[in-house]
Amino acid sequence: LGPYPPESTETFEVRAFFPVNGTTREDPVTGSLNASVAQWLLRTGRASAPYTVSQGTLLHRTGRVHISADADGTVWIGGDTITCVSGFVEL
């Protein structure tokens, strides 16, 4: 997590790393991570909603995550999506 300069369109750049078979990979956009980070940033006064996060920039998959919060403190995460896989599961 790192801040952009005040005049930027985005407020923060977020990066998420995870291990896969002994190597480290990066997730281009992570809604659950952004939700957790937003709760911390808002609760500690390090950010105020609404704001926009950039993620995946160094992967050339620049995602934008829009963070907002209700008056009761409920954090909302939004943005555009692209469906990469779809299907059905019979249970």
PDB file of N, CA and C in Angstrom:
ATOM      1  N   LEU A   1       0.848  -1.169   0.000  1.00  0.00           N
ATOM      2  CA  LEU A   1       0.000   0.000   0.000  1.00  0.00           C
ATOM      3  C   LEU A   1       0.890   1.227   0.000  1.00  0.00           C
ATOM      4  N   GLY A   2       0.663   2.107  -0.977  1.00  0.00           N
ATOM      5  CA  GLY A   2       1.411   3.357  -1.025  1.00  0.00           C
ATOM      6  C   GLY A   2       0.537   4.474  -1.559  1.00  0.00           C
ATOM      7  N   PRO A   3       0.732   5.680  -1.037  1.00  0.00           N
ATOM      8  CA  PRO A   3      -0.088   6.804  -1.473  1.00  0.00           C
ATOM      9  C   PRO A   3       0.397   7.406  -2.786  1.00  0.00           C
ATOM     10  N   TYR A   4      -0.539   7.937  -3.555  1.00  0.00           N
ATOM     11  CA  TYR A   4      -0.217   8.748  -4.728  1.00  0.00           C
ATOM     12  C   TYR A   4      -0.141  10.200  -4.284  1.00  0.00           C
ATOM     13  N   PRO A   5       0.479  11.070  -5.073  1.00  0.00           N
ATOM     14  CA  PRO A   5       0.481  12.503  -4.749  1.00  0.00           C
ATOM     15  C   PRO A   5      -0.958  13.035  -4.695  1.00  0.00           C
ATOM     16  N   PRO A   6      -1.195  14.085  -3.916  1.00  0.00           N
ATOM     17  CA  PRO A   6      -2.556  14.614  -3.729  1.00  0.00           C
ATOM     18  C   PRO A   6      -3.302  14.961  -5.017  1.00  0.00           C
ATOM     19  N   GLU A   7      -2.615  15.368  -6.074  1.00  0.00           N
ATOM     20  CA  GLU A   7      -3.294  15.762  -7.314  1.00  0.00           C
ATOM     21  C   GLU A   7      -3.656  14.579  -8.223  1.00  0.00           C
ATOM     22  N   SER A   8      -3.320  13.359  -7.817  1.00  0.00           N
ATOM     23  CA  SER A   8      -3.598  12.171  -8.636  1.00  0.00           C
ATOM     24  C   SER A   8      -5.069  11.790  -8.604  1.00  0.00           C
ATOM     25  N   THR A   9      -5.492  11.070  -9.642  1.00  0.00           N
ATOM     26  CA  THR A   9      -6.852  10.544  -9.713  1.00  0.00           C
ATOM     27  C   THR A   9      -7.064   9.455  -8.668  1.00  0.00           C
ATOM     28  N   GLU A  10      -6.045   8.627  -8.441  1.00  0.00           N
ATOM     29  CA  GLU A  10      -6.111   7.567  -7.447  1.00  0.00           C
ATOM     30  C   GLU A  10      -5.485   8.051  -6.149  1.00  0.00           C
ATOM     31  N   THR A  11      -5.928   7.495  -5.042  1.00  0.00           N
ATOM     32  CA  THR A  11      -5.401   7.877  -3.736  1.00  0.00           C
ATOM     33  C   THR A  11      -4.266   6.957  -3.301  1.00  0.00           C
ATOM     34  N   PHE A  12      -4.401   5.648  -3.601  1.00  0.00           N
ATOM     35  CA  PHE A  12      -3.397   4.661  -3.198  1.00  0.00           C
ATOM     36  C   PHE A  12      -3.141   3.663  -4.316  1.00  0.00           C
ATOM     37  N   GLU A  13      -1.956   3.046  -4.285  1.00  0.00           N
ATOM     38  CA  GLU A  13      -1.636   1.866  -5.091  1.00  0.00           C
ATOM     39  C   GLU A  13      -1.563   0.707  -4.102  1.00  0.00           C
ATOM     40  N   VAL A  14      -2.271  -0.372  -4.407  1.00  0.00           N
ATOM     41  CA  VAL A  14      -2.284  -1.561  -3.558  1.00  0.00           C
ATOM     42  C   VAL A  14      -1.672  -2.710  -4.349  1.00  0.00           C
ATOM     43  N   ARG A  15      -0.849  -3.515  -3.683  1.00  0.00           N
ATOM     44  CA  ARG A  15      -0.285  -4.709  -4.319  1.00  0.00           C
ATOM     45  C   ARG A  15      -0.512  -5.902  -3.405  1.00  0.00           C
ATOM     46  N   ALA A  16      -0.816  -7.051  -3.997  1.00  0.00           N
ATOM     47  CA  ALA A  16      -1.094  -8.272  -3.238  1.00  0.00           C
ATOM     48  C   ALA A  16      -0.245  -9.408  -3.792  1.00  0.00           C
ATOM     49  N   PHE A  17       0.545 -10.031  -2.923  1.00  0.00           N
ATOM     50  CA  PHE A  17       1.434 -11.123  -3.318  1.00  0.00           C
ATOM     51  C   PHE A  17       1.039 -12.410  -2.610  1.00  0.00           C
ATOM     52  N   PHE A  18       1.249 -13.556  -3.298  1.00  0.00           N
ATOM     53  CA  PHE A  18       0.928 -14.846  -2.707  1.00  0.00           C
ATOM     54  C   PHE A  18       1.855 -15.903  -3.315  1.00  0.00           C
ATOM     55  N   PRO A  19       2.160 -16.971  -2.548  1.00  0.00           N
ATOM     56  CA  PRO A  19       3.054 -18.023  -3.043  1.00  0.00           C
ATOM     57  C   PRO A  19       2.323 -19.047  -3.909  1.00  0.00           C
ATOM     58  N   VAL A  20       3.009 -19.514  -4.955  1.00  0.00           N
ATOM     59  CA  VAL A  20       2.507 -20.595  -5.798  1.00  0.00           C
ATOM     60  C   VAL A  20       3.691 -21.478  -6.161  1.00  0.00           C
ATOM     61  N   ASN A  21       3.692 -22.708  -5.662  1.00  0.00           N
ATOM     62  CA  ASN A  21       4.739 -23.685  -5.993  1.00  0.00           C
ATOM     63  C   ASN A  21       6.148 -23.117  -5.856  1.00  0.00           C
ATOM     64  N   GLY A  22       6.423 -22.459  -4.762  1.00  0.00           N
ATOM     65  CA  GLY A  22       7.766 -21.956  -4.499  1.00  0.00           C
ATOM     66  C   GLY A  22       8.094 -20.629  -5.152  1.00  0.00           C
ATOM     67  N   THR A  23       7.159 -20.037  -5.893  1.00  0.00           N
ATOM     68  CA  THR A  23       7.388 -18.722  -6.482  1.00  0.00           C
ATOM     69  C   THR A  23       6.371 -17.741  -5.898  1.00  0.00           C
ATOM     70  N   THR A  24       6.599 -16.478  -6.115  1.00  0.00           N
ATOM     71  CA  THR A  24       5.688 -15.453  -5.631  1.00  0.00           C
ATOM     72  C   THR A  24       4.946 -14.856  -6.821  1.00  0.00           C
ATOM     73  N   ARG A  25       3.636 -14.806  -6.717  1.00  0.00           N
ATOM     74  CA  ARG A  25       2.789 -14.223  -7.754  1.00  0.00           C
ATOM     75  C   ARG A  25       2.117 -12.974  -7.208  1.00  0.00           C
ATOM     76  N   GLU A  26       1.599 -12.163  -8.130  1.00  0.00           N
ATOM     77  CA  GLU A  26       0.880 -10.959  -7.734  1.00  0.00           C
ATOM     78  C   GLU A  26      -0.539 -11.006  -8.294  1.00  0.00           C
ATOM     79  N   ASP A  27      -1.498 -10.664  -7.455  1.00  0.00           N
ATOM     80  CA  ASP A  27      -2.897 -10.610  -7.865  1.00  0.00           C
ATOM     81  C   ASP A  27      -3.168  -9.237  -8.468  1.00  0.00           C
ATOM     82  N   PRO A  28      -3.713  -9.154  -9.693  1.00  0.00           N
ATOM     83  CA  PRO A  28      -3.905  -7.848 -10.324  1.00  0.00           C
ATOM     84  C   PRO A  28      -4.949  -6.972  -9.635  1.00  0.00           C
ATOM     85  N   VAL A  29      -6.025  -7.549  -9.133  1.00  0.00           N
ATOM     86  CA  VAL A  29      -7.031  -6.784  -8.380  1.00  0.00           C
ATOM     87  C   VAL A  29      -7.657  -7.711  -7.344  1.00  0.00           C
ATOM     88  N   THR A  30      -7.721  -7.243  -6.110  1.00  0.00           N
ATOM     89  CA  THR A  30      -8.206  -8.061  -5.009  1.00  0.00           C
ATOM     90  C   THR A  30      -9.254  -7.292  -4.212  1.00  0.00           C
ATOM     91  N   GLY A  31     -10.528  -7.607  -4.425  1.00  0.00           N
ATOM     92  CA  GLY A  31     -11.597  -6.909  -3.720  1.00  0.00           C
ATOM     93  C   GLY A  31     -11.545  -7.114  -2.226  1.00  0.00           C
ATOM     94  N   SER A  32     -11.291  -8.351  -1.775  1.00  0.00           N
ATOM     95  CA  SER A  32     -11.276  -8.628  -0.343  1.00  0.00           C
ATOM     96  C   SER A  32     -10.122  -7.903   0.355  1.00  0.00           C
ATOM     97  N   LEU A  33      -8.958  -7.845  -0.290  1.00  0.00           N
ATOM     98  CA  LEU A  33      -7.835  -7.102   0.294  1.00  0.00           C
ATOM     99  C   LEU A  33      -8.169  -5.620   0.367  1.00  0.00           C
ATOM    100  N   ASN A  34      -8.732  -5.070  -0.696  1.00  0.00           N
ATOM    101  CA  ASN A  34      -9.085  -3.654  -0.699  1.00  0.00           C
ATOM    102  C   ASN A  34     -10.133  -3.336   0.363  1.00  0.00           C
ATOM    103  N   ALA A  35     -11.061  -4.253   0.606  1.00  0.00           N
ATOM    104  CA  ALA A  35     -12.066  -4.047   1.656  1.00  0.00           C
ATOM    105  C   ALA A  35     -11.404  -3.997   3.031  1.00  0.00           C
ATOM    106  N   SER A  36     -10.487  -4.907   3.280  1.00  0.00           N
ATOM    107  CA  SER A  36      -9.795  -4.933   4.572  1.00  0.00           C
ATOM    108  C   SER A  36      -8.915  -3.710   4.760  1.00  0.00           C
ATOM    109  N   VAL A  37      -8.167  -3.352   3.733  1.00  0.00           N
ATOM    110  CA  VAL A  37      -7.313  -2.169   3.803  1.00  0.00           C
ATOM    111  C   VAL A  37      -8.165  -0.912   3.997  1.00  0.00           C
ATOM    112  N   ALA A  38      -9.293  -0.830   3.298  1.00  0.00           N
ATOM    113  CA  ALA A  38     -10.181   0.330   3.426  1.00  0.00           C
ATOM    114  C   ALA A  38     -10.700   0.465   4.845  1.00  0.00           C
ATOM    115  N   GLN A  39     -11.095  -0.645   5.452  1.00  0.00           N
ATOM    116  CA  GLN A  39     -11.578  -0.582   6.834  1.00  0.00           C
ATOM    117  C   GLN A  39     -10.499  -0.017   7.756  1.00  0.00           C
ATOM    118  N   TRP A  40      -9.279  -0.466   7.586  1.00  0.00           N
ATOM    119  CA  TRP A  40      -8.167   0.023   8.404  1.00  0.00           C
ATOM    120  C   TRP A  40      -7.881   1.503   8.119  1.00  0.00           C
ATOM    121  N   LEU A  41      -7.785   1.871   6.830  1.00  0.00           N
ATOM    122  CA  LEU A  41      -7.484   3.263   6.472  1.00  0.00           C
ATOM    123  C   LEU A  41      -8.550   4.222   7.000  1.00  0.00           C
ATOM    124  N   LEU A  42      -9.808   3.852   6.850  1.00  0.00           N
ATOM    125  CA  LEU A  42     -10.899   4.719   7.290  1.00  0.00           C
ATOM    126  C   LEU A  42     -10.973   4.793   8.814  1.00  0.00           C
ATOM    127  N   ARG A  43     -10.833   3.657   9.479  1.00  0.00           N
ATOM    128  CA  ARG A  43     -10.919   3.609  10.944  1.00  0.00           C
ATOM    129  C   ARG A  43      -9.809   4.415  11.611  1.00  0.00           C
ATOM    130  N   THR A  44      -8.614   4.388  11.010  1.00  0.00           N
ATOM    131  CA  THR A  44      -7.470   5.081  11.608  1.00  0.00           C
ATOM    132  C   THR A  44      -7.318   6.518  11.113  1.00  0.00           C
ATOM    133  N   GLY A  45      -8.207   6.950  10.213  1.00  0.00           N
ATOM    134  CA  GLY A  45      -8.152   8.321   9.712  1.00  0.00           C
ATOM    135  C   GLY A  45      -7.073   8.569   8.675  1.00  0.00           C
ATOM    136  N   ARG A  46      -6.489   7.513   8.127  1.00  0.00           N
ATOM    137  CA  ARG A  46      -5.457   7.659   7.103  1.00  0.00           C
ATOM    138  C   ARG A  46      -6.048   7.967   5.729  1.00  0.00           C
ATOM    139  N   ALA A  47      -7.363   7.772   5.590  1.00  0.00           N
ATOM    140  CA  ALA A  47      -8.079   8.078   4.345  1.00  0.00           C
ATOM    141  C   ALA A  47      -9.504   8.439   4.708  1.00  0.00           C
ATOM    142  N   SER A  48     -10.165   9.103   3.780  1.00  0.00           N
ATOM    143  CA  SER A  48     -11.592   9.370   3.942  1.00  0.00           C
ATOM    144  C   SER A  48     -12.285   8.989   2.637  1.00  0.00           C
ATOM    145  N   ALA A  49     -13.445   8.386   2.787  1.00  0.00           N
ATOM    146  CA  ALA A  49     -14.204   7.925   1.622  1.00  0.00           C
ATOM    147  C   ALA A  49     -15.024   9.083   1.066  1.00  0.00           C
ATOM    148  N   PRO A  50     -15.274   9.085  -0.234  1.00  0.00           N
ATOM    149  CA  PRO A  50     -14.861   8.079  -1.213  1.00  0.00           C
ATOM    150  C   PRO A  50     -13.433   8.332  -1.713  1.00  0.00           C
ATOM    151  N   TYR A  51     -12.803   7.246  -2.150  1.00  0.00           N
ATOM    152  CA  TYR A  51     -11.503   7.351  -2.803  1.00  0.00           C
ATOM    153  C   TYR A  51     -11.344   6.195  -3.782  1.00  0.00           C
ATOM    154  N   THR A  52     -10.333   6.299  -4.639  1.00  0.00           N
ATOM    155  CA  THR A  52     -10.074   5.275  -5.658  1.00  0.00           C
ATOM    156  C   THR A  52      -8.682   4.706  -5.477  1.00  0.00           C
ATOM    157  N   VAL A  53      -8.587   3.389  -5.609  1.00  0.00           N
ATOM    158  CA  VAL A  53      -7.326   2.662  -5.490  1.00  0.00           C
ATOM    159  C   VAL A  53      -6.945   2.123  -6.865  1.00  0.00           C
ATOM    160  N   SER A  54      -5.665   2.134  -7.158  1.00  0.00           N
ATOM    161  CA  SER A  54      -5.125   1.501  -8.350  1.00  0.00           C
ATOM    162  C   SER A  54      -4.442   0.215  -7.921  1.00  0.00           C
ATOM    163  N   GLN A  55      -4.653  -0.868  -8.664  1.00  0.00           N
ATOM    164  CA  GLN A  55      -3.980  -2.135  -8.367  1.00  0.00           C
ATOM    165  C   GLN A  55      -3.694  -2.843  -9.681  1.00  0.00           C
ATOM    166  N   GLY A  56      -2.571  -3.526  -9.765  1.00  0.00           N
ATOM    167  CA  GLY A  56      -2.190  -4.269 -10.964  1.00  0.00           C
ATOM    168  C   GLY A  56      -1.376  -3.455 -11.955  1.00  0.00           C
ATOM    169  N   THR A  57      -0.976  -2.264 -11.581  1.00  0.00           N
ATOM    170  CA  THR A  57      -0.279  -1.347 -12.498  1.00  0.00           C
ATOM    171  C   THR A  57       0.990  -1.966 -13.072  1.00  0.00           C
ATOM    172  N   LEU A  58       1.827  -2.560 -12.230  1.00  0.00           N
ATOM    173  CA  LEU A  58       3.089  -3.131 -12.713  1.00  0.00           C
ATOM    174  C   LEU A  58       2.897  -4.414 -13.509  1.00  0.00           C
ATOM    175  N   LEU A  59       1.690  -4.969 -13.464  1.00  0.00           N
ATOM    176  CA  LEU A  59       1.365  -6.149 -14.266  1.00  0.00           C
ATOM    177  C   LEU A  59       0.734  -5.769 -15.597  1.00  0.00           C
ATOM    178  N   HIS A  60       0.639  -4.468 -15.859  1.00  0.00           N
ATOM    179  CA  HIS A  60      -0.025  -3.949 -17.058  1.00  0.00           C
ATOM    180  C   HIS A  60      -1.492  -4.369 -17.097  1.00  0.00           C
ATOM    181  N   ARG A  61      -2.100  -4.491 -15.924  1.00  0.00           N
ATOM    182  CA  ARG A  61      -3.525  -4.828 -15.780  1.00  0.00           C
ATOM    183  C   ARG A  61      -4.122  -3.836 -14.785  1.00  0.00           C
ATOM    184  N   THR A  62      -4.031  -2.590 -15.142  1.00  0.00           N
ATOM    185  CA  THR A  62      -4.387  -1.513 -14.236  1.00  0.00           C
ATOM    186  C   THR A  62      -5.860  -1.550 -13.859  1.00  0.00           C
ATOM    187  N   GLY A  63      -6.128  -2.019 -12.649  1.00  0.00           N
ATOM    188  CA  GLY A  63      -7.479  -2.054 -12.114  1.00  0.00           C
ATOM    189  C   GLY A  63      -7.750  -0.819 -11.277  1.00  0.00           C
ATOM    190  N   ARG A  64      -9.006  -0.447 -11.212  1.00  0.00           N
ATOM    191  CA  ARG A  64      -9.429   0.665 -10.366  1.00  0.00           C
ATOM    192  C   ARG A  64     -10.514   0.159  -9.429  1.00  0.00           C
ATOM    193  N   VAL A  65     -10.308   0.370  -8.146  1.00  0.00           N
ATOM    194  CA  VAL A  65     -11.258  -0.054  -7.130  1.00  0.00           C
ATOM    195  C   VAL A  65     -11.784   1.203  -6.455  1.00  0.00           C
ATOM    196  N   HIS A  66     -13.107   1.336  -6.435  1.00  0.00           N
ATOM    197  CA  HIS A  66     -13.745   2.511  -5.850  1.00  0.00           C
ATOM    198  C   HIS A  66     -14.225   2.165  -4.445  1.00  0.00           C
ATOM    199  N   ILE A  67     -13.785   2.954  -3.478  1.00  0.00           N
ATOM    200  CA  ILE A  67     -14.100   2.731  -2.076  1.00  0.00           C
ATOM    201  C   ILE A  67     -15.077   3.811  -1.617  1.00  0.00           C
ATOM    202  N   SER A  68     -16.165   3.374  -0.983  1.00  0.00           N
ATOM    203  CA  SER A  68     -17.092   4.326  -0.371  1.00  0.00           C
ATOM    204  C   SER A  68     -17.537   3.742   0.964  1.00  0.00           C
ATOM    205  N   ALA A  69     -18.177   4.572   1.778  1.00  0.00           N
ATOM    206  CA  ALA A  69     -18.657   4.115   3.088  1.00  0.00           C
ATOM    207  C   ALA A  69     -19.969   4.798   3.419  1.00  0.00           C
ATOM    208  N   ASP A  70     -20.862   4.040   4.039  1.00  0.00           N
ATOM    209  CA  ASP A  70     -22.129   4.579   4.527  1.00  0.00           C
ATOM    210  C   ASP A  70     -21.896   5.362   5.811  1.00  0.00           C
ATOM    211  N   ALA A  71     -22.906   6.108   6.223  1.00  0.00           N
ATOM    212  CA  ALA A  71     -22.832   6.872   7.472  1.00  0.00           C
ATOM    213  C   ALA A  71     -22.604   5.958   8.679  1.00  0.00           C
ATOM    214  N   ASP A  72     -23.090   4.702   8.590  1.00  0.00           N
ATOM    215  CA  ASP A  72     -22.898   3.767   9.704  1.00  0.00           C
ATOM    216  C   ASP A  72     -21.541   3.067   9.675  1.00  0.00           C
ATOM    217  N   GLY A  73     -20.700   3.396   8.685  1.00  0.00           N
ATOM    218  CA  GLY A  73     -19.357   2.821   8.602  1.00  0.00           C
ATOM    219  C   GLY A  73     -19.237   1.608   7.709  1.00  0.00           C
ATOM    220  N   THR A  74     -20.317   1.170   7.080  1.00  0.00           N
ATOM    221  CA  THR A  74     -20.235   0.039   6.154  1.00  0.00           C
ATOM    222  C   THR A  74     -19.399   0.446   4.940  1.00  0.00           C
ATOM    223  N   VAL A  75     -18.379  -0.352   4.638  1.00  0.00           N
ATOM    224  CA  VAL A  75     -17.471  -0.070   3.525  1.00  0.00           C
ATOM    225  C   VAL A  75     -17.972  -0.788   2.281  1.00  0.00           C
ATOM    226  N   TRP A  76     -17.996  -0.074   1.162  1.00  0.00           N
ATOM    227  CA  TRP A  76     -18.425  -0.633  -0.118  1.00  0.00           C
ATOM    228  C   TRP A  76     -17.261  -0.592  -1.097  1.00  0.00           C
ATOM    229  N   ILE A  77     -17.085  -1.699  -1.821  1.00  0.00           N
ATOM    230  CA  ILE A  77     -16.022  -1.850  -2.809  1.00  0.00           C
ATOM    231  C   ILE A  77     -16.684  -2.020  -4.166  1.00  0.00           C
ATOM    232  N   GLY A  78     -16.238  -1.267  -5.168  1.00  0.00           N
ATOM    233  CA  GLY A  78     -16.835  -1.368  -6.487  1.00  0.00           C
ATOM    234  C   GLY A  78     -15.831  -1.138  -7.585  1.00  0.00           C
ATOM    235  N   GLY A  79     -16.239  -1.430  -8.797  1.00  0.00           N
ATOM    236  CA  GLY A  79     -15.394  -1.216  -9.961  1.00  0.00           C
ATOM    237  C   GLY A  79     -15.910  -2.015 -11.133  1.00  0.00           C
ATOM    238  N   ASP A  80     -15.303  -1.825 -12.282  1.00  0.00           N
ATOM    239  CA  ASP A  80     -15.657  -2.577 -13.475  1.00  0.00           C
ATOM    240  C   ASP A  80     -15.046  -3.972 -13.406  1.00  0.00           C
ATOM    241  N   THR A  81     -15.684  -4.919 -14.065  1.00  0.00           N
ATOM    242  CA  THR A  81     -15.176  -6.288 -14.082  1.00  0.00           C
ATOM    243  C   THR A  81     -15.142  -6.836 -15.503  1.00  0.00           C
ATOM    244  N   ILE A  82     -14.360  -7.862 -15.685  1.00  0.00           N
ATOM    245  CA  ILE A  82     -14.316  -8.623 -16.934  1.00  0.00           C
ATOM    246  C   ILE A  82     -14.470 -10.078 -16.560  1.00  0.00           C
ATOM    247  N   THR A  83     -15.442 -10.764 -17.129  1.00  0.00           N
ATOM    248  CA  THR A  83     -15.636 -12.181 -16.865  1.00  0.00           C
ATOM    249  C   THR A  83     -14.616 -12.980 -17.667  1.00  0.00           C
ATOM    250  N   CYS A  84     -13.777 -13.723 -16.959  1.00  0.00           N
ATOM    251  CA  CYS A  84     -12.745 -14.537 -17.619  1.00  0.00           C
ATOM    252  C   CYS A  84     -13.167 -15.999 -17.711  1.00  0.00           C
ATOM    253  N   VAL A  85     -13.974 -16.456 -16.764  1.00  0.00           N
ATOM    254  CA  VAL A  85     -14.425 -17.849 -16.731  1.00  0.00           C
ATOM    255  C   VAL A  85     -15.885 -17.835 -16.291  1.00  0.00           C
ATOM    256  N   SER A  86     -16.699 -18.626 -16.931  1.00  0.00           N
ATOM    257  CA  SER A  86     -18.078 -18.795 -16.473  1.00  0.00           C
ATOM    258  C   SER A  86     -18.448 -20.269 -16.633  1.00  0.00           C
ATOM    259  N   GLY A  87     -19.460 -20.685 -15.909  1.00  0.00           N
ATOM    260  CA  GLY A  87     -19.870 -22.080 -16.012  1.00  0.00           C
ATOM    261  C   GLY A  87     -20.924 -22.411 -14.996  1.00  0.00           C
ATOM    262  N   PHE A  88     -21.237 -23.700 -14.890  1.00  0.00           N
ATOM    263  CA  PHE A  88     -22.260 -24.178 -13.964  1.00  0.00           C
ATOM    264  C   PHE A  88     -21.713 -25.354 -13.203  1.00  0.00           C
ATOM    265  N   VAL A  89     -22.208 -25.526 -11.985  1.00  0.00           N
ATOM    266  CA  VAL A  89     -21.852 -26.672 -11.165  1.00  0.00           C
ATOM    267  C   VAL A  89     -23.140 -27.334 -10.718  1.00  0.00           C
ATOM    268  N   GLU A  90     -23.251 -28.611 -10.938  1.00  0.00           N
ATOM    269  CA  GLU A  90     -24.437 -29.345 -10.477  1.00  0.00           C
ATOM    270  C   GLU A  90     -24.120 -29.942  -9.118  1.00  0.00           C
ATOM    271  N   LEU A  91     -24.935 -29.599  -8.140  1.00  0.00           N
ATOM    272  CA  LEU A  91     -24.724 -30.121  -6.779  1.00  0.00           C
ATOM    273  C   LEU A  91     -25.745 -31.166  -6.435  1.00  0.00           C
TER     274      LEU A  91
END
